[in-house]
Amino acid sequence: MDEPIGVAERYRARYWHRLDDDRIQCDLCPRDCKLHEGQRGACFVRGRADDAMVLTTYGRSSGFCIDPIEKKPLNQFYPGSSVLSFGTAGCNLACKFCQNWDISRSRSFDKLLDQASPEAIARCAEKYGCKSVAFTYNDPVIFAEYAMDVADACHEKGIKTVAVTAGYVHQQPRRDFFSKMDAANVDLKAFSEAFYVKQTGAHLQPVLDTLCYLRHETDVWFELTTLLIPGLNDSSKEIGAMSDWIMNNLGADVPLHFSAFHPDYKLSDIPPTPAKTLIKALQIAMDAGLRYVYTGNVHYIEGDTTYCPTCGRELIVRDWYDIAQYELTEQGCCKDCNVAIAGRYDQRAGRFGRQRIPVRIGGST
């Protein structure tokens, strides 16, 4: 049974309208949840209380941690820099393979131990010298109002913001949300409607719409990640079709990460993804014309390295999250042929490395 919505959780949310049958409809994502008083949506954190839509996780987090930006993963957004990461609870997808299922599928707020105002989060990021703040661990779309307020507070201090998201969101909240983001990593979970329906409880087209919106109507730097699951979305045909779609609709410069699956949640009976599957996928995508393709969750330096698409020089060599070599000019160009490398760069790479530093943020101000 859903937990009742407490008084302290009644932060008035946006993106809803009233129906003729005494229900209200959430307009945040394509699930279009229709709610009676006291009910929660599929994401569990947006619900109806006092005859309005509320966000029950505003100002509450499952924890804060300083990570390398490459862990999001973002390989071409201020490489080597540190990012203050946090999430809340719940999700508007129901992925059977979720790697953070204890947070995203949580039906209890016991995990939301840390409370922090947007201003407190921005101050924390500034205190620890973080280049950016990432909304991650669960999908920030479902706590959009909180994330947008945090983004405003961060931007006042010159701190960038990053969304790690599945991109499953309606048009108007999509515009509002991404107008506050400097970068995003979008999970393109497969290139099959059948996979999305059966494995995530969602649909493919709204995600493709988000990607086209990001590419053609915003300046947000974004990269894509696909978790390859043996027997479900790792066929050469599907990877080729996805790569062709990216090439034709987003262009050659959008980085694509192929990540290895590890048995978890409801797919514990499927074996881990072999490294050779990732390497093959990388080659298929490169053959389709994509210039920046990476592998993840395996130790494969060639798959972590950023190469110049013109002369082939190794520009950013990574050993896991450590940057072993950095060969870009101050303008973000190849030192050999001077071609501009897509992305966002400082004059030199950061040196945060593979650290992971949990932090606590106390209080609401």
Protein backbone atom coordinates (compact mmCIF):
# COMPACT_ATOMS: atom_id res chain seq x y z
CA MET A 1 0.00 0.00 0.00
CA ASP A 2 1.24 3.49 -0.79
CA GLU A 3 2.40 5.58 2.11
CA PRO A 4 0.09 8.51 2.92
CA ILE A 5 1.36 11.89 1.84
CA GLY A 6 2.45 13.75 4.94
CA VAL A 7 2.03 17.45 5.60
CA ALA A 8 5.78 18.09 5.35
CA GLU A 9 5.81 16.51 1.89
CA ARG A 10 3.22 18.76 0.31
CA TYR A 11 5.41 20.85 -1.95
CA ARG A 12 3.10 22.18 -4.66
CA ALA A 13 4.29 20.81 -8.01
CA ARG A 14 3.84 21.99 -11.59
CA TYR A 15 2.66 20.14 -14.72
CA TRP A 16 -0.86 18.89 -14.06
CA HIS A 17 -4.44 19.67 -14.94
CA ARG A 18 -7.90 18.83 -13.67
CA LEU A 19 -10.11 16.28 -15.44
CA ASP A 20 -13.90 16.24 -15.70
CA ASP A 21 -14.24 13.12 -13.53
CA ASP A 22 -12.79 14.61 -10.33
CA ARG A 23 -9.30 13.29 -11.03
CA ILE A 24 -6.18 15.30 -11.83
CA GLN A 25 -3.68 14.28 -14.51
CA CYS A 26 0.07 14.60 -14.18
CA ASP A 27 1.49 16.21 -17.33
CA LEU A 28 5.17 15.64 -16.56
CA CYS A 29 5.80 12.47 -18.55
CA PRO A 30 4.03 10.25 -21.10
CA ARG A 31 2.59 8.04 -18.38
CA ASP A 32 -0.12 10.69 -17.85
CA CYS A 33 -1.05 9.36 -14.41
CA LYS A 34 -4.63 10.18 -13.39
CA LEU A 35 -5.07 10.50 -9.65
CA HIS A 36 -7.73 10.69 -6.97
CA GLU A 37 -7.03 12.44 -3.68
CA GLY A 38 -4.21 10.71 -1.77
CA GLN A 39 -2.94 8.68 -4.72
CA ARG A 40 0.61 8.70 -6.08
CA GLY A 41 1.75 8.38 -9.68
CA ALA A 42 3.78 5.52 -11.12
CA CYS A 43 6.97 7.32 -10.11
CA PHE A 44 5.70 7.23 -6.49
CA VAL A 45 7.05 10.70 -5.64
CA ARG A 46 4.47 12.84 -7.43
CA GLY A 47 1.00 12.58 -5.97
CA ARG A 48 -2.29 14.31 -5.21
CA ALA A 49 -2.79 16.01 -1.87
CA ASP A 50 -5.06 18.89 -0.89
CA ASP A 51 -6.59 18.67 -4.36
CA ALA A 52 -3.33 19.52 -6.14
CA MET A 53 -0.18 17.86 -7.49
CA VAL A 54 2.66 17.67 -4.98
CA LEU A 55 6.31 16.62 -5.13
CA THR A 56 7.02 14.59 -1.99
CA THR A 57 10.82 14.51 -2.37
CA TYR A 58 11.55 18.22 -2.69
CA GLY A 59 14.66 18.99 -0.62
CA ARG A 60 15.30 15.33 0.23
CA SER A 61 18.09 13.13 -1.10
CA SER A 62 19.29 9.54 -0.97
CA GLY A 63 22.81 10.88 -0.47
CA PHE A 64 25.53 13.14 -1.84
CA CYS A 65 28.86 12.06 -3.31
CA ILE A 66 31.66 13.74 -5.23
CA ASP A 67 32.49 11.72 -8.36
CA PRO A 68 34.63 12.08 -11.48
CA ILE A 69 32.55 13.53 -14.32
CA GLU A 70 33.51 10.51 -16.45
CA LYS A 71 31.42 8.34 -14.13
CA LYS A 72 28.14 9.92 -15.28
CA PRO A 73 29.38 9.08 -17.99
CA LEU A 74 30.46 12.31 -19.68
CA ASN A 75 33.82 12.03 -21.42
CA GLN A 76 33.77 15.31 -23.31
CA PHE A 77 32.42 17.69 -20.67
CA TYR A 78 35.30 19.21 -18.70
CA PRO A 79 37.35 15.98 -18.53
CA GLY A 80 38.93 15.14 -15.20
CA SER A 81 36.68 17.50 -13.23
CA SER A 82 34.71 16.62 -10.12
CA VAL A 83 30.92 16.61 -9.87
CA LEU A 84 28.70 16.65 -6.80
CA SER A 85 26.15 13.90 -7.44
CA PHE A 86 22.82 13.23 -5.78
CA GLY A 87 19.39 11.74 -6.37
CA THR A 88 16.12 11.28 -4.53
CA ALA A 89 13.81 8.24 -4.82
CA GLY A 90 11.42 6.77 -7.34
CA CYS A 91 11.41 6.64 -11.16
CA ASN A 92 8.92 6.99 -14.00
CA LEU A 93 10.32 3.92 -15.78
CA ALA A 94 10.21 0.36 -14.47
CA CYS A 95 13.43 -1.12 -15.87
CA LYS A 96 13.84 -4.77 -14.98
CA PHE A 97 17.64 -4.33 -15.19
CA CYS A 98 17.94 -1.20 -13.03
CA GLN A 99 21.37 -0.94 -11.42
CA ASN A 100 20.05 1.49 -8.76
CA TRP A 101 16.78 -0.32 -8.08
CA ASP A 102 17.03 0.12 -4.32
CA ILE A 103 16.68 3.87 -4.90
CA SER A 104 14.66 4.14 -8.10
CA ARG A 105 12.09 1.51 -7.10
CA SER A 106 11.95 2.50 -3.46
CA ARG A 107 8.47 2.72 -1.93
CA SER A 108 9.80 4.06 1.31
CA PHE A 109 11.36 7.41 2.15
CA ASP A 110 13.61 5.82 4.78
CA LYS A 111 16.46 6.10 2.28
CA LEU A 112 16.04 9.86 2.01
CA LEU A 113 18.32 10.66 4.91
CA ASP A 114 19.89 13.88 3.64
CA GLN A 115 17.93 17.11 3.42
CA ALA A 116 19.24 20.17 1.68
CA SER A 117 17.97 23.34 0.12
CA PRO A 118 19.11 24.31 -3.39
CA GLU A 119 21.34 26.98 -1.86
CA ALA A 120 22.98 24.49 0.51
CA ILE A 121 23.79 22.15 -2.38
CA ALA A 122 25.34 24.97 -4.38
CA ARG A 123 27.42 26.04 -1.39
CA CYS A 124 28.62 22.47 -0.89
CA ALA A 125 29.70 22.17 -4.52
CA GLU A 126 31.54 25.47 -4.24
CA LYS A 127 33.20 24.44 -0.97
CA TYR A 128 34.63 21.24 -2.48
CA GLY A 129 35.66 22.83 -5.78
CA CYS A 130 33.21 20.86 -7.93
CA LYS A 131 32.89 22.01 -11.52
CA SER A 132 29.30 20.78 -11.67
CA VAL A 133 26.36 19.24 -9.83
CA ALA A 134 24.73 16.10 -11.27
CA PHE A 135 21.16 14.94 -10.78
CA THR A 136 21.59 11.18 -10.98
CA TYR A 137 21.03 7.76 -9.30
CA ASN A 138 17.33 8.07 -10.12
CA ASP A 139 15.80 10.08 -12.97
CA PRO A 140 15.77 13.82 -12.20
CA VAL A 141 12.78 14.38 -14.48
CA ILE A 142 10.50 13.19 -11.67
CA PHE A 143 11.92 15.78 -9.25
CA ALA A 144 12.17 18.46 -11.92
CA GLU A 145 11.07 21.38 -9.73
CA TYR A 146 13.74 20.61 -7.14
CA ALA A 147 16.42 20.04 -9.78
CA MET A 148 15.60 23.30 -11.54
CA ASP A 149 15.80 25.26 -8.29
CA VAL A 150 19.16 23.63 -7.51
CA ALA A 151 20.35 24.53 -11.02
CA ASP A 152 19.44 28.19 -10.48
CA ALA A 153 21.36 28.25 -7.20
CA CYS A 154 24.37 26.59 -8.82
CA HIS A 155 24.44 28.94 -11.79
CA GLU A 156 24.54 31.91 -9.43
CA LYS A 157 27.89 30.54 -8.24
CA GLY A 158 29.20 29.64 -11.70
CA ILE A 159 28.67 25.91 -11.16
CA LYS A 160 27.45 23.79 -14.09
CA THR A 161 24.56 21.33 -13.91
CA VAL A 162 24.25 17.81 -15.34
CA ALA A 163 21.17 15.61 -15.81
CA VAL A 164 21.53 11.85 -16.01
CA THR A 165 18.18 10.85 -17.43
CA ALA A 166 16.17 8.45 -19.56
CA GLY A 167 14.61 11.44 -21.33
CA TYR A 168 11.03 10.23 -20.78
CA VAL A 169 9.28 13.58 -20.44
CA HIS A 170 6.57 15.68 -22.09
CA GLN A 171 7.31 18.70 -24.26
CA GLN A 172 6.71 21.63 -21.89
CA PRO A 173 8.51 20.22 -18.83
CA ARG A 174 11.26 19.08 -21.21
CA ARG A 175 11.79 22.68 -22.30
CA ASP A 176 11.71 24.01 -18.74
CA PHE A 177 13.98 21.31 -17.34
CA PHE A 178 16.71 21.33 -19.98
CA SER A 179 16.79 25.14 -20.09
CA LYS A 180 18.45 24.82 -16.67
CA MET A 181 20.96 22.10 -17.65
CA ASP A 182 24.45 22.54 -19.07
CA ALA A 183 24.96 18.87 -19.91
CA ALA A 184 23.12 15.57 -19.93
CA ASN A 185 23.74 11.89 -20.33
CA VAL A 186 20.65 10.27 -21.81
CA ASP A 187 20.02 6.54 -21.51
CA LEU A 188 18.97 5.23 -24.89
CA LYS A 189 18.09 1.86 -23.44
CA ALA A 190 17.57 0.07 -26.74
CA PHE A 191 16.42 0.76 -30.27
CA SER A 192 13.28 -1.35 -30.12
CA GLU A 193 9.75 -0.45 -29.07
CA ALA A 194 9.25 -4.04 -27.91
CA PHE A 195 12.24 -3.76 -25.56
CA TYR A 196 11.00 -0.49 -24.10
CA VAL A 197 7.51 -1.86 -23.47
CA LYS A 198 8.57 -5.22 -22.01
CA GLN A 199 11.74 -4.25 -20.15
CA THR A 200 11.04 -0.66 -19.03
CA GLY A 201 7.27 -0.23 -19.11
CA ALA A 202 7.69 2.79 -21.37
CA HIS A 203 7.94 3.69 -25.07
CA LEU A 204 10.84 4.52 -27.38
CA GLN A 205 9.51 7.49 -29.37
CA PRO A 206 9.35 10.04 -26.50
CA VAL A 207 13.04 9.35 -25.80
CA LEU A 208 13.92 9.90 -29.46
CA ASP A 209 11.92 13.13 -29.35
CA THR A 210 13.96 14.31 -26.36
CA LEU A 211 17.21 13.54 -28.16
CA CYS A 212 16.17 15.45 -31.27
CA TYR A 213 15.05 18.36 -29.09
CA LEU A 214 18.40 18.47 -27.29
CA ARG A 215 20.34 18.36 -30.54
CA HIS A 216 18.37 20.82 -32.60
CA GLU A 217 16.79 23.24 -30.12
CA THR A 218 19.26 23.62 -27.25
CA ASP A 219 22.93 24.23 -26.51
CA VAL A 220 23.01 21.46 -23.89
CA TRP A 221 26.05 19.22 -24.29
CA PHE A 222 24.81 15.63 -24.19
CA GLU A 223 26.14 12.12 -24.54
CA LEU A 224 24.27 8.83 -24.90
CA THR A 225 24.58 5.57 -23.00
CA THR A 226 23.22 2.16 -23.96
CA LEU A 227 23.53 -0.72 -21.50
CA LEU A 228 23.99 -3.81 -23.67
CA ILE A 229 22.13 -6.80 -22.22
CA PRO A 230 22.97 -10.21 -23.72
CA GLY A 231 20.14 -11.53 -25.87
CA LEU A 232 17.89 -8.49 -25.37
CA ASN A 233 19.38 -5.46 -27.13
CA ASP A 234 22.91 -6.45 -28.22
CA SER A 235 22.36 -7.75 -31.74
CA SER A 236 24.48 -6.28 -34.53
CA LYS A 237 21.30 -5.42 -36.42
CA GLU A 238 19.84 -3.36 -33.59
CA ILE A 239 23.13 -1.63 -32.79
CA GLY A 240 23.58 -0.81 -36.47
CA ALA A 241 20.05 0.60 -36.75
CA MET A 242 20.56 2.71 -33.62
CA SER A 243 23.90 4.02 -34.85
CA ASP A 244 22.42 4.94 -38.22
CA TRP A 245 19.55 6.77 -36.51
CA ILE A 246 21.97 8.73 -34.31
CA MET A 247 24.10 9.60 -37.32
CA ASN A 248 21.13 10.75 -39.41
CA ASN A 249 19.20 12.58 -36.68
CA LEU A 250 21.77 13.80 -34.17
CA GLY A 251 25.01 13.89 -36.13
CA ALA A 252 28.45 12.37 -35.92
CA ASP A 253 29.66 14.38 -32.91
CA VAL A 254 27.28 13.07 -30.22
CA PRO A 255 29.32 10.66 -28.06
CA LEU A 256 27.89 7.19 -27.55
CA HIS A 257 28.79 4.91 -24.62
CA PHE A 258 28.18 1.16 -24.73
CA SER A 259 28.10 -0.11 -21.16
CA ALA A 260 28.35 -3.67 -19.82
CA PHE A 261 25.36 -5.19 -18.03
CA HIS A 262 25.80 -6.92 -14.69
CA PRO A 263 23.05 -9.21 -13.34
CA ASP A 264 20.76 -7.27 -11.03
CA TYR A 265 17.18 -6.67 -9.91
CA LYS A 266 14.76 -8.72 -12.06
CA LEU A 267 17.35 -9.86 -14.63
CA SER A 268 19.66 -11.68 -12.26
CA ASP A 269 19.58 -14.79 -14.46
CA ILE A 270 21.25 -13.11 -17.46
CA PRO A 271 25.07 -13.29 -17.60
CA PRO A 272 27.29 -10.20 -17.69
CA THR A 273 28.02 -8.61 -21.04
CA PRO A 274 31.31 -9.89 -22.49
CA ALA A 275 33.89 -7.24 -23.32
CA LYS A 276 33.96 -8.49 -26.91
CA THR A 277 30.30 -7.50 -27.31
CA LEU A 278 31.11 -3.91 -26.35
CA ILE A 279 34.12 -3.80 -28.65
CA LYS A 280 32.04 -5.11 -31.54
CA ALA A 281 29.32 -2.53 -30.86
CA LEU A 282 31.95 0.21 -30.77
CA GLN A 283 33.19 -0.82 -34.20
CA ILE A 284 29.67 -0.96 -35.65
CA ALA A 285 28.96 2.57 -34.43
CA MET A 286 32.28 3.87 -35.74
CA ASP A 287 31.61 2.23 -39.12
CA ALA A 288 28.27 4.07 -39.19
CA GLY A 289 30.18 7.35 -38.99
CA LEU A 290 30.00 8.23 -35.28
CA ARG A 291 33.22 9.95 -34.23
CA TYR A 292 33.24 9.41 -30.48
CA VAL A 293 32.28 5.95 -29.22
CA TYR A 294 33.22 4.51 -25.83
CA THR A 295 32.90 1.36 -23.74
CA GLY A 296 31.96 1.30 -20.07
CA ASN A 297 31.97 -1.00 -17.02
CA VAL A 298 34.97 -2.88 -18.42
CA HIS A 299 38.68 -2.10 -18.28
CA TYR A 300 39.47 -1.35 -21.91
CA ILE A 301 41.71 1.69 -22.33
CA GLU A 302 41.08 1.94 -26.08
CA GLY A 303 37.36 2.15 -25.35
CA ASP A 304 37.90 4.91 -22.81
CA THR A 305 40.12 7.00 -25.07
CA THR A 306 39.05 10.05 -27.06
CA TYR A 307 40.65 10.04 -30.52
CA CYS A 308 40.93 12.84 -33.04
CA PRO A 309 38.36 12.03 -35.75
CA THR A 310 40.61 13.59 -38.40
CA CYS A 311 44.15 12.38 -37.76
CA GLY A 312 43.48 9.58 -35.27
CA ARG A 313 45.75 10.92 -32.51
CA GLU A 314 45.07 9.78 -28.95
CA LEU A 315 43.82 12.98 -27.37
CA ILE A 316 42.43 11.95 -23.97
CA VAL A 317 43.70 8.60 -22.70
CA ARG A 318 41.82 7.28 -19.66
CA ASP A 319 42.62 4.42 -17.34
CA TRP A 320 39.22 3.94 -15.74
CA TYR A 321 38.58 7.49 -14.48
CA ASP A 322 42.23 8.62 -14.38
CA ILE A 323 43.35 10.81 -17.27
CA ALA A 324 46.76 9.46 -18.30
CA GLN A 325 47.26 11.72 -21.32
CA TYR A 326 45.67 14.98 -22.46
CA GLU A 327 46.57 16.37 -25.86
CA LEU A 328 44.10 19.18 -26.50
CA THR A 329 45.00 22.83 -27.03
CA GLU A 330 43.53 25.54 -24.82
CA GLN A 331 40.83 25.96 -27.47
CA GLY A 332 39.84 22.28 -27.33
CA CYS A 333 41.56 21.33 -30.59
CA CYS A 334 43.83 18.44 -31.57
CA LYS A 335 47.49 19.39 -31.03
CA ASP A 336 48.47 17.68 -34.27
CA CYS A 337 45.93 18.80 -36.87
CA ASN A 338 44.16 21.58 -34.92
CA VAL A 339 40.68 20.24 -35.65
CA ALA A 340 38.09 21.24 -33.03
CA ILE A 341 36.96 18.38 -30.81
CA ALA A 342 33.27 18.42 -29.91
CA GLY A 343 32.61 19.03 -26.23
CA ARG A 344 33.25 21.49 -23.41
CA TYR A 345 36.80 21.95 -22.17
CA ASP A 346 38.94 24.00 -19.79
CA GLN A 347 42.49 25.03 -20.63
CA ARG A 348 43.74 21.79 -19.11
CA ALA A 349 42.22 18.59 -17.82
CA GLY A 350 41.14 18.22 -14.22
CA ARG A 351 42.98 15.90 -11.85
CA PHE A 352 40.18 14.49 -9.72
CA GLY A 353 40.90 10.94 -10.87
CA ARG A 354 38.90 7.94 -9.66
CA GLN A 355 38.03 9.24 -6.19
CA ARG A 356 34.59 8.83 -4.67
CA ILE A 357 33.96 11.11 -1.72
CA PRO A 358 30.65 10.86 0.20
CA VAL A 359 29.58 14.16 1.78
CA ARG A 360 26.77 15.23 4.09
CA ILE A 361 24.76 18.38 3.72
CA GLY A 362 22.92 19.28 6.89
CA GLY A 363 19.93 21.52 7.25
CA SER A 364 17.73 23.23 4.73
CA THR A 365 19.46 26.61 4.46
